[in-house]
Protein backbone atom coordinates (compact mmCIF):
# COMPACT_ATOMS: atom_id res chain seq x y z
CA UNK A 1 -1.44 -21.69 -14.13
CA UNK A 2 -4.46 -20.58 -12.08
CA UNK A 3 -4.17 -17.78 -9.55
CA UNK A 4 -3.15 -19.00 -6.11
CA UNK A 5 -2.96 -16.94 -2.92
CA UNK A 6 -1.32 -17.50 0.43
CA UNK A 7 -3.75 -17.16 3.33
CA UNK A 8 -2.53 -16.16 6.77
CA UNK A 9 -5.43 -18.13 8.26
CA UNK A 10 -4.65 -21.49 6.65
CA UNK A 11 -0.88 -20.84 6.39
CA UNK A 12 -1.00 -22.38 2.92
CA UNK A 13 -1.08 -21.15 -0.65
CA UNK A 14 -4.02 -22.50 -2.62
CA UNK A 15 -5.89 -21.87 -5.90
CA UNK A 16 -8.26 -18.93 -5.57
CA UNK A 17 -11.83 -18.97 -6.82
CA UNK A 18 -14.18 -16.15 -5.81
CA UNK A 19 -17.40 -17.02 -4.01
CA UNK A 20 -19.40 -15.30 -6.76
CA UNK A 21 -18.06 -16.19 -10.23
CA UNK A 22 -15.78 -13.45 -11.62
CA UNK A 23 -16.56 -11.04 -8.77
CA UNK A 24 -14.09 -10.57 -5.94
CA UNK A 25 -15.28 -8.83 -2.79
CA UNK A 26 -12.27 -7.45 -0.95
CA UNK A 27 -11.87 -5.49 2.29
CA UNK A 28 -8.58 -3.85 3.34
CA UNK A 29 -8.28 -2.12 6.68
CA UNK A 30 -7.53 1.57 6.21
CA UNK A 31 -5.91 4.06 8.54
CA UNK A 32 -6.87 5.89 11.69
CA UNK A 33 -6.82 9.46 10.42
CA UNK A 34 -5.10 11.43 13.17
CA UNK A 35 -1.76 12.07 11.40
CA UNK A 36 -0.07 11.77 8.01
CA UNK A 37 0.37 8.28 6.57
CA UNK A 38 3.83 6.77 6.88
CA UNK A 39 5.76 4.73 4.35
CA UNK A 40 4.59 1.48 6.01
CA UNK A 41 1.03 2.43 5.08
CA UNK A 42 2.27 3.08 1.57
CA UNK A 43 3.81 -0.38 1.38
CA UNK A 44 0.53 -2.02 2.41
CA UNK A 45 -1.75 -0.01 0.16
CA UNK A 46 0.45 -0.29 -2.92
CA UNK A 47 0.54 -4.06 -2.35
CA UNK A 48 -3.24 -4.34 -2.26
CA UNK A 49 -3.61 -1.93 -5.17
CA UNK A 50 -1.53 -4.38 -7.21
CA UNK A 51 -3.68 -7.28 -6.00
CA UNK A 52 -6.77 -5.45 -7.15
CA UNK A 53 -5.22 -4.46 -10.48
CA UNK A 54 -4.14 -8.02 -11.22
CA UNK A 55 -7.58 -9.43 -10.39
CA UNK A 56 -9.11 -6.90 -12.77
CA UNK A 57 -6.47 -7.62 -15.44
CA UNK A 58 -7.46 -11.30 -15.07
CA UNK A 59 -11.01 -10.43 -16.08
CA UNK A 60 -12.66 -10.20 -12.66
CA UNK A 61 -14.84 -7.48 -11.24
CA UNK A 62 -13.48 -6.25 -7.90
CA UNK A 63 -15.48 -4.53 -5.20
CA UNK A 64 -12.69 -2.98 -3.14
CA UNK A 65 -13.48 -1.55 0.29
CA UNK A 66 -10.95 0.44 2.32
CA UNK A 67 -12.31 2.00 5.49
CA UNK A 68 -11.43 5.14 7.40
CA UNK A 69 -11.35 4.99 11.20
CA UNK A 70 -12.55 8.43 12.28
CA UNK A 71 -13.31 7.81 15.97
CA UNK A 72 -10.58 6.54 18.26
CA UNK A 73 -8.59 7.39 21.42
CA UNK A 74 -5.68 8.78 19.37
CA UNK A 75 -8.01 10.97 17.34
CA UNK A 76 -9.63 12.35 20.48
CA UNK A 77 -6.25 13.12 22.09
CA UNK A 78 -4.78 14.76 18.98
CA UNK A 79 -7.86 16.91 18.40
CA UNK A 80 -7.74 18.08 22.01
CA UNK A 81 -4.03 18.91 21.69
CA UNK A 82 -4.73 21.04 18.63
CA UNK A 83 -7.86 22.62 20.01
CA UNK A 84 -10.09 21.48 17.13
CA UNK A 85 -12.99 19.04 16.82
CA UNK A 86 -12.45 15.39 15.98
CA UNK A 87 -14.42 15.97 12.77
CA UNK A 88 -12.06 18.77 11.70
CA UNK A 89 -9.04 16.58 12.46
CA UNK A 90 -10.31 13.53 10.61
CA UNK A 91 -11.44 15.56 7.59
CA UNK A 92 -7.95 17.08 7.34
CA UNK A 93 -6.03 13.82 7.59
CA UNK A 94 -8.60 11.84 5.62
CA UNK A 95 -8.00 14.15 2.66
CA UNK A 96 -4.24 13.91 3.18
CA UNK A 97 -4.43 10.10 3.14
CA UNK A 98 -6.39 10.13 -0.12
CA UNK A 99 -3.85 12.51 -1.67
CA UNK A 100 -0.98 10.25 -0.60
CA UNK A 101 -2.61 7.13 -2.05
CA UNK A 102 -3.29 8.94 -5.34
CA UNK A 103 0.33 10.15 -5.47
CA UNK A 104 1.52 6.55 -5.07
CA UNK A 105 -0.63 5.50 -8.02
CA UNK A 106 -3.31 3.65 -6.07
CA UNK A 107 -6.83 3.40 -7.46
CA UNK A 108 -9.57 4.91 -5.35
CA UNK A 109 -11.56 2.25 -3.47
CA UNK A 110 -14.99 1.23 -4.69
CA UNK A 111 -16.27 2.13 -1.23
CA UNK A 112 -14.49 4.14 1.48
CA UNK A 113 -16.76 3.90 4.54
CA UNK A 114 -16.16 6.08 7.59
CA UNK A 115 -16.74 4.43 10.94
CA UNK A 116 -18.99 7.20 12.27
CA UNK A 117 -21.44 6.63 9.39
CA UNK A 118 -22.04 3.03 10.51
CA UNK A 119 -22.90 3.41 14.20
CA UNK A 120 -26.40 1.81 13.77
CA UNK A 121 -24.84 -1.25 12.12
CA UNK A 122 -22.30 -1.54 14.94
CA UNK A 123 -25.00 -1.32 17.60
CA UNK A 124 -27.03 -3.98 15.81
CA UNK A 125 -24.03 -6.30 15.69
CA UNK A 126 -23.26 -5.75 19.38
CA UNK A 127 -26.87 -6.48 20.32
CA UNK A 128 -26.78 -9.72 18.36
CA UNK A 129 -23.60 -10.74 20.21
CA UNK A 130 -25.26 -9.94 23.52
CA UNK A 131 -28.28 -12.04 22.62
CA UNK A 132 -26.02 -14.97 21.76
CA UNK A 133 -24.11 -14.68 25.04
CA UNK A 134 -20.84 -13.40 23.61
CA UNK A 135 -21.16 -9.82 24.89
CA UNK A 136 -21.88 -8.34 28.30
CA UNK A 137 -21.96 -4.92 29.92
CA UNK A 138 -19.36 -4.52 32.62
CA UNK A 139 -19.65 -2.56 35.85
CA UNK A 140 -17.88 0.38 34.19
CA UNK A 141 -20.58 0.66 31.53
CA UNK A 142 -18.46 -0.71 28.67
CA UNK A 143 -19.81 -3.59 26.59
CA UNK A 144 -17.14 -6.28 26.15
CA UNK A 145 -16.69 -9.44 24.08
CA UNK A 146 -16.18 -12.63 26.09
CA UNK A 147 -13.15 -14.04 24.30
CA UNK A 148 -13.08 -17.46 25.98
CA UNK A 149 -16.62 -18.18 24.77
CA UNK A 150 -15.44 -18.12 21.17
CA UNK A 151 -14.02 -21.58 20.63
CA UNK A 152 -11.46 -20.92 17.88
CA UNK A 153 -10.00 -17.66 19.15
CA UNK A 154 -6.32 -17.35 18.20
CA UNK A 155 -6.31 -19.41 15.04
CA UNK A 156 -5.38 -16.48 12.75
CA UNK A 157 -2.39 -15.34 14.82
CA UNK A 158 -1.48 -18.82 16.01
CA UNK A 159 -1.57 -17.68 19.62
CA UNK A 160 -2.70 -19.94 22.45
CA UNK A 161 -5.50 -18.33 24.40
CA UNK A 162 -3.79 -19.23 27.68
CA UNK A 163 -0.69 -17.27 26.66
CA UNK A 164 -2.45 -14.20 25.35
CA UNK A 165 -2.26 -10.78 26.92
CA UNK A 166 -5.00 -8.26 26.45
CA UNK A 167 -4.63 -6.81 22.99
CA UNK A 168 -6.94 -3.84 23.28
CA UNK A 169 -5.70 -0.37 22.37
CA UNK A 170 -6.58 0.90 25.83
CA UNK A 171 -5.68 -0.23 29.33
CA UNK A 172 -7.59 -3.20 30.74
CA UNK A 173 -10.81 -1.79 32.15
CA UNK A 174 -11.98 -2.66 35.65
CA UNK A 175 -15.37 -3.81 34.36
CA UNK A 176 -13.99 -6.71 32.31
CA UNK A 177 -14.66 -10.24 33.53
CA UNK A 178 -11.47 -11.48 31.86
CA UNK A 179 -8.39 -9.43 30.85
CA UNK A 180 -8.54 -11.08 27.41
CA UNK A 181 -11.98 -9.60 26.71
CA UNK A 182 -12.04 -6.64 24.36
CA UNK A 183 -14.34 -3.66 24.22
CA UNK A 184 -17.21 -3.41 21.75
CA UNK A 185 -18.84 -0.24 23.08
CA UNK A 186 -17.07 2.31 25.28
CA UNK A 187 -19.08 4.18 27.87
CA UNK A 188 -19.12 7.94 27.23
CA UNK A 189 -16.63 10.26 28.89
CA UNK A 190 -17.19 14.02 29.15
CA UNK A 191 -16.18 15.91 26.02
CA UNK A 192 -15.76 12.82 23.82
CA UNK A 193 -17.79 12.03 20.69
CA UNK A 194 -20.74 9.87 21.72
CA UNK A 195 -23.89 8.24 20.45
CA UNK A 196 -26.98 6.92 22.22
CA UNK A 197 -27.44 3.19 22.71
CA UNK A 198 -29.40 0.76 24.87
CA UNK A 199 -26.27 0.51 27.08
CA UNK A 200 -26.05 4.27 27.50
CA UNK A 201 -24.20 6.95 25.57
CA UNK A 202 -20.83 5.91 24.23
CA UNK A 203 -18.75 5.20 21.16
CA UNK A 204 -17.62 2.05 19.36
CA UNK A 205 -14.48 0.10 20.16
CA UNK A 206 -11.91 -0.18 17.39
CA UNK A 207 -12.52 -3.78 16.31
CA UNK A 208 -16.30 -3.67 15.86
CA UNK A 209 -16.00 -1.02 13.16
CA UNK A 210 -14.59 -3.21 10.40
CA UNK A 211 -16.91 -6.13 11.17
CA UNK A 212 -19.96 -3.91 10.84
CA UNK A 213 -18.81 -2.05 7.74
CA UNK A 214 -17.63 -5.12 5.84
CA UNK A 215 -20.84 -7.04 6.59
CA UNK A 216 -23.01 -4.14 5.47
CA UNK A 217 -21.16 -3.60 2.19
CA UNK A 218 -19.82 -7.06 1.28
CA UNK A 219 -21.98 -9.51 3.26
CA UNK A 220 -21.28 -11.83 6.19
CA UNK A 221 -18.77 -13.83 4.12
CA UNK A 222 -16.55 -12.31 1.44
CA UNK A 223 -13.45 -13.27 -0.54
CA UNK A 224 -10.38 -11.39 0.72
CA UNK A 225 -9.60 -9.48 3.90
CA UNK A 226 -6.26 -7.69 3.98
CA UNK A 227 -4.10 -5.32 5.95
CA UNK A 228 -0.69 -4.69 7.43
CA UNK A 229 1.16 -7.26 9.57
CA UNK A 230 0.51 -5.34 12.78
CA UNK A 231 -3.23 -5.94 12.38
CA UNK A 232 -3.12 -9.74 12.58
CA UNK A 233 -3.38 -9.53 16.36
CA UNK A 234 -5.43 -8.23 17.95
CA UNK A 235 -7.50 -6.43 15.34
CA UNK A 236 -8.11 -9.15 12.77
CA UNK A 237 -8.27 -11.88 15.40
CA UNK A 238 -11.03 -9.92 17.13
CA UNK A 239 -12.83 -9.20 13.88
CA UNK A 240 -13.07 -12.92 13.20
CA UNK A 241 -14.32 -13.67 16.69
CA UNK A 242 -17.09 -11.07 16.79
CA UNK A 243 -18.17 -11.54 13.16
CA UNK A 244 -18.37 -15.31 13.22
CA UNK A 245 -19.91 -15.38 16.69
CA UNK A 246 -22.69 -13.11 15.41
CA UNK A 247 -23.28 -14.62 11.96
CA UNK A 248 -22.42 -18.28 12.51
CA UNK A 249 -20.63 -18.40 9.13
CA UNK A 250 -16.98 -17.94 8.07
CA UNK A 251 -15.96 -14.29 7.89
CA UNK A 252 -13.38 -13.97 5.08
CA UNK A 253 -12.32 -16.75 2.73
CA UNK A 254 -8.69 -15.59 2.38
CA UNK A 255 -6.66 -13.45 4.80
CA UNK A 256 -3.78 -11.51 3.24
CA UNK A 257 -1.16 -9.48 5.10
CA UNK A 258 1.73 -7.42 3.77
CA UNK A 259 5.18 -7.94 5.22
CA UNK A 260 6.87 -5.66 7.76
CA UNK A 261 8.82 -2.56 6.76
CA UNK A 262 12.05 -1.67 8.49
CA UNK A 263 14.33 1.33 8.04
CA UNK A 264 17.99 0.81 7.10
CA UNK A 265 20.51 3.40 8.24
CA UNK A 266 23.75 4.39 6.48
CA UNK A 267 25.67 1.59 8.20
CA UNK A 268 23.20 -1.04 7.00
CA UNK A 269 21.60 -1.55 10.42
CA UNK A 270 17.86 -2.16 10.26
CA UNK A 271 15.32 -1.19 12.88
CA UNK A 272 11.63 -0.58 13.27
CA UNK A 273 10.46 2.79 12.02
CA UNK A 274 9.72 5.01 14.99
CA UNK A 275 9.42 8.74 15.69
CA UNK A 276 11.40 8.25 18.89
CA UNK A 277 14.34 6.80 16.91
CA UNK A 278 14.31 9.69 14.46
CA UNK A 279 13.86 7.39 11.45
CA UNK A 280 10.18 8.00 10.82
CA UNK A 281 9.21 8.66 7.19
CA UNK A 282 5.80 9.88 6.16
CA UNK A 283 4.76 9.22 2.59
CA UNK A 284 5.00 12.96 2.10
CA UNK A 285 8.58 12.98 3.38
CA UNK A 286 9.52 10.23 0.96
CA UNK A 287 7.74 11.84 -2.00
CA UNK A 288 9.38 15.19 -1.31
CA UNK A 289 12.82 13.57 -1.32
CA UNK A 290 12.27 11.42 -4.42
CA UNK A 291 10.74 14.29 -6.37
CA UNK A 292 13.75 16.47 -5.50
CA UNK A 293 16.22 13.74 -6.41
CA UNK A 294 14.64 12.35 -9.60
CA UNK A 295 12.49 15.12 -10.98
CA UNK A 296 9.04 16.50 -10.37
CA UNK A 297 6.48 13.96 -11.52
CA UNK A 298 9.03 11.12 -11.48
CA UNK A 299 9.70 10.64 -7.78
CA UNK A 300 6.31 9.09 -7.01
CA UNK A 301 6.81 6.38 -9.62
CA UNK A 302 10.31 5.69 -8.31
CA UNK A 303 8.85 5.20 -4.85
CA UNK A 304 6.06 2.95 -6.13
CA UNK A 305 8.57 0.90 -8.15
CA UNK A 306 10.75 0.51 -5.07
CA UNK A 307 7.78 -0.94 -3.18
CA UNK A 308 6.93 -3.29 -6.05
CA UNK A 309 10.41 -4.84 -6.11
CA UNK A 310 9.60 -6.88 -3.00
CA UNK A 311 6.90 -9.57 -2.91
CA UNK A 312 4.06 -8.20 -0.80
CA UNK A 313 4.47 -10.74 2.05
CA UNK A 314 8.23 -10.36 2.39
CA UNK A 315 9.97 -7.96 4.78
CA UNK A 316 11.11 -4.77 3.10
CA UNK A 317 13.97 -2.44 4.01
CA UNK A 318 13.64 1.28 3.39
CA UNK A 319 16.56 3.63 2.79
CA UNK A 320 17.64 6.37 0.39
CA UNK A 321 20.27 4.03 -1.09
CA UNK A 322 17.65 1.39 -1.89
CA UNK A 323 15.41 4.02 -3.45
CA UNK A 324 18.34 5.06 -5.64
CA UNK A 325 18.83 1.43 -6.73
CA UNK A 326 15.16 1.29 -7.71
CA UNK A 327 15.48 4.50 -9.73
CA UNK A 328 18.46 3.16 -11.66
CA UNK A 329 16.53 -0.03 -12.44
CA UNK A 330 13.54 1.97 -13.61
CA UNK A 331 15.84 4.00 -15.87
CA UNK A 332 16.75 0.75 -17.66
CA UNK A 333 13.10 0.03 -18.38
CA UNK A 334 12.34 3.54 -19.58
CA UNK A 335 15.53 3.45 -21.64
CA UNK A 336 14.08 0.56 -23.66
CA UNK A 337 10.98 2.65 -24.43
CA UNK A 338 12.72 5.91 -25.31
CA UNK A 339 12.28 6.93 -28.94
CA UNK A 340 10.41 3.76 -29.86
CA UNK A 341 6.86 3.47 -31.18
CA UNK A 342 4.58 0.81 -29.76
CA UNK A 343 2.42 -1.38 -31.97
CA UNK A 344 -1.32 -0.97 -31.45
CA UNK A 345 -3.37 -3.48 -29.51
CA UNK A 346 -3.65 -5.09 -26.10
CA UNK A 347 -1.11 -7.26 -24.28
CA UNK A 348 -0.68 -10.66 -25.92
CA UNK A 349 -0.56 -12.98 -22.91
CA UNK A 350 0.67 -15.90 -25.02
CA UNK A 351 3.89 -14.02 -25.84
CA UNK A 352 6.92 -15.42 -23.97
CA UNK A 353 7.65 -12.56 -21.58
CA UNK A 354 4.01 -11.73 -20.89
CA UNK A 355 3.41 -15.41 -20.07
CA UNK A 356 6.30 -15.27 -17.58
CA UNK A 357 4.81 -12.10 -16.07
CA UNK A 358 1.40 -13.74 -15.76
CA UNK A 359 2.81 -16.89 -14.16
CA UNK A 360 4.61 -14.75 -11.57
CA UNK A 361 1.52 -12.70 -10.74
CA UNK A 362 -0.63 -15.82 -10.51
CA UNK A 363 1.88 -17.17 -7.99
CA UNK A 364 0.63 -15.08 -5.04
CA UNK A 365 1.30 -11.77 -6.80
CA UNK A 366 5.07 -12.26 -7.12
CA UNK A 367 5.97 -8.80 -8.41
CA UNK A 368 9.78 -9.31 -8.25
CA UNK A 369 9.54 -12.19 -10.74
CA UNK A 370 7.04 -10.27 -12.86
CA UNK A 371 9.45 -7.32 -13.01
CA UNK A 372 12.32 -9.70 -13.88
CA UNK A 373 10.31 -10.75 -16.94
CA UNK A 374 9.93 -7.08 -17.85
CA UNK A 375 13.71 -6.62 -17.71
CA UNK A 376 14.19 -9.58 -20.05
CA UNK A 377 11.67 -8.00 -22.37
CA UNK A 378 13.51 -4.65 -22.21
CA UNK A 379 16.76 -6.40 -23.16
CA UNK A 380 15.05 -7.91 -26.20
CA UNK A 381 13.62 -4.52 -27.17
CA UNK A 382 17.10 -2.99 -27.01
CA UNK A 383 18.32 -5.75 -29.30
CA UNK A 384 15.52 -5.72 -31.87
CA UNK A 385 13.52 -2.50 -31.45
CA UNK A 386 10.39 -4.55 -32.19
CA UNK A 387 7.26 -2.32 -31.82
CA UNK A 388 5.22 -5.34 -30.69
CA UNK A 389 7.57 -5.91 -27.79
CA UNK A 390 7.46 -2.19 -26.96
CA UNK A 391 3.66 -2.52 -26.74
CA UNK A 392 4.07 -5.55 -24.50
CA UNK A 393 6.41 -3.74 -22.09
CA UNK A 394 4.16 -0.68 -21.81
CA UNK A 395 1.14 -2.93 -21.35
CA UNK A 396 2.74 -4.99 -18.60
CA UNK A 397 3.87 -1.78 -16.94
CA UNK A 398 0.29 -0.51 -17.01
CA UNK A 399 -0.84 -3.55 -14.99
CA UNK A 400 1.49 -2.41 -12.19
CA UNK A 401 0.83 1.29 -12.97
CA UNK A 402 4.40 2.06 -13.96
CA UNK A 403 6.12 3.00 -17.27
CA UNK A 404 3.26 5.31 -18.28
CA UNK A 405 5.27 8.56 -18.14
CA UNK A 406 7.03 10.10 -21.12
CA UNK A 407 10.32 8.15 -21.33
CA UNK A 408 12.46 11.09 -22.43
CA UNK A 409 11.11 13.31 -19.67
CA UNK A 410 11.64 10.58 -17.07
CA UNK A 411 15.20 9.94 -18.22
CA UNK A 412 15.95 13.65 -18.04
CA UNK A 413 14.74 13.67 -14.45
CA UNK A 414 11.84 16.01 -15.13
CA UNK A 415 14.26 18.83 -15.87
CA UNK A 416 12.83 22.34 -16.03
CA UNK A 417 13.04 24.32 -19.24
CA UNK A 418 15.85 26.40 -17.69
CA UNK A 419 17.82 23.28 -16.69
CA UNK A 420 17.37 21.73 -20.11
CA UNK A 421 18.49 24.93 -21.83
CA UNK A 422 21.59 25.11 -19.62
CA UNK A 423 22.49 21.46 -20.26
CA UNK A 424 21.93 21.79 -24.01
CA UNK A 425 24.13 24.89 -24.04
CA UNK A 426 26.92 22.92 -22.36
CA UNK A 427 26.46 20.09 -24.86
CA UNK A 428 26.79 22.62 -27.70
CA UNK A 429 29.90 24.13 -26.04
CA UNK A 430 31.35 20.62 -25.77
CA UNK A 431 30.63 19.99 -29.46
CA UNK A 432 32.42 23.18 -30.43
CA UNK A 433 35.33 22.31 -28.13
CA UNK A 434 35.72 18.92 -29.79
CA UNK A 435 35.50 20.55 -33.20
CA UNK A 436 38.32 22.87 -32.16
CA UNK A 437 40.27 19.87 -30.81
CA UNK A 438 40.03 21.29 -27.30
CA UNK A 439 39.46 17.83 -25.83
CA UNK A 440 40.41 18.90 -22.32
CA UNK A 441 37.47 21.33 -22.22
CA UNK A 442 35.16 18.74 -23.80
CA UNK A 443 36.13 16.19 -21.13
CA UNK A 444 35.72 18.82 -18.41
CA UNK A 445 32.14 19.50 -19.52
CA UNK A 446 31.29 15.79 -19.61
CA UNK A 447 32.74 15.29 -16.13
CA UNK A 448 30.99 18.33 -14.64
CA UNK A 449 27.64 17.09 -15.95
CA UNK A 450 28.36 13.59 -14.72
CA UNK A 451 29.02 15.03 -11.26
CA UNK A 452 25.45 16.42 -11.43
CA UNK A 453 24.13 12.94 -12.25
CA UNK A 454 23.81 13.66 -15.98
CA UNK A 455 25.33 11.22 -18.47
CA UNK A 456 25.99 12.21 -22.10
CA UNK A 457 25.44 9.75 -24.92
CA UNK A 458 27.09 10.41 -28.28
CA UNK A 459 25.44 8.91 -31.36
CA UNK A 460 25.00 9.37 -35.12
CA UNK A 461 22.24 11.92 -34.52
CA UNK A 462 24.30 13.92 -32.05
CA UNK A 463 24.58 13.96 -28.25
CA UNK A 464 21.66 13.20 -25.94
CA UNK A 465 21.58 13.10 -22.15
CA UNK A 466 19.79 11.50 -19.22
CA UNK A 467 19.99 11.50 -15.47
CA UNK A 468 21.46 8.54 -13.64
């Protein structure tokens, strides 16, 4: 089965062939760095990390671009609130974003352009749009894009142009000829970052950034453009309009969008994540909680695995209970690897379970089905102990960047030396109690450890333990 991908633009899933043989050029919209990344960002970036990893596992070279928006209204406001420069703010949160992505197991992008480094390219693109009659300078000094002049506006989001409201990040400016028009270049205001241009000092609008950066790095037409669901309109719709109006050629071949993330409360009610609702989770919040619950060094993989259990386009619910379910499932996979040697060599894709994994991933990156194949493989390993199958499971895990930790350490929840010594002492006390036929004390020790989330396993070689 050849790789096929669902495109938001065509609303169909079709076989994927890169424009340049065996080289995929891919652009994923990054974050506006004015605050810490939230778990919704994590969902999107883990999804596209898996896309990239599977393309590379399939033998393709991937040029992966993820931008940083470092000039924006929110950035300007937050920097002013904190009494620091916009550069200081964006450097701080840009580093934090990179740390969060690394913690979630995401590969660093091939290119990570910052908007402020591409001002000349943005100005050149705006000038070309003006020359072609798609851009004009309003009475307020802003340069705007004339939406109704672009014939196919709305085809990505499926919105009728007559029903659209202005989708800009800022209020409709008085200088616009049409409320649907969006800003390309914002006239300078006192105290804001600004650059010189033929239209006067100002700064770029949000949408022009990605069009300019992607064209400079990947060309006017490239293979995959991705992002979160909230970017479909207006951001990606406007990117298409300004890019294709300027170049006269299709912008991106395939448009991919991750599904929405909602937060589930203790009663099972789901709602949009929002600071005002008190259910807002940064990636750092989530990592802190999972590391505390499942062991230092383990929590990040639990969180990544939780995100992988949903197909990237599907809605995903986030809650501590669902994270716990993911951890218990991951324990089953690590349990199959514990104490077992893996045969040498690469993944054999003709093997039954690897073939199932590949078919799932080729079907629009269906990670839930791919993981289901891994569970079948783990069951077979538990039955046979076959080192070849152990190699297969570790190799398939590596494609998703899971199952690469030490199994025993993971199953023990990353216990500290002091914790491990305490638990082993209790196990020894239990052994002596059983030897003395003091079964009540032996049962008491087992139960007290179980209450801590530690299960004891008696076997011919003695008693071992793991967290549950």
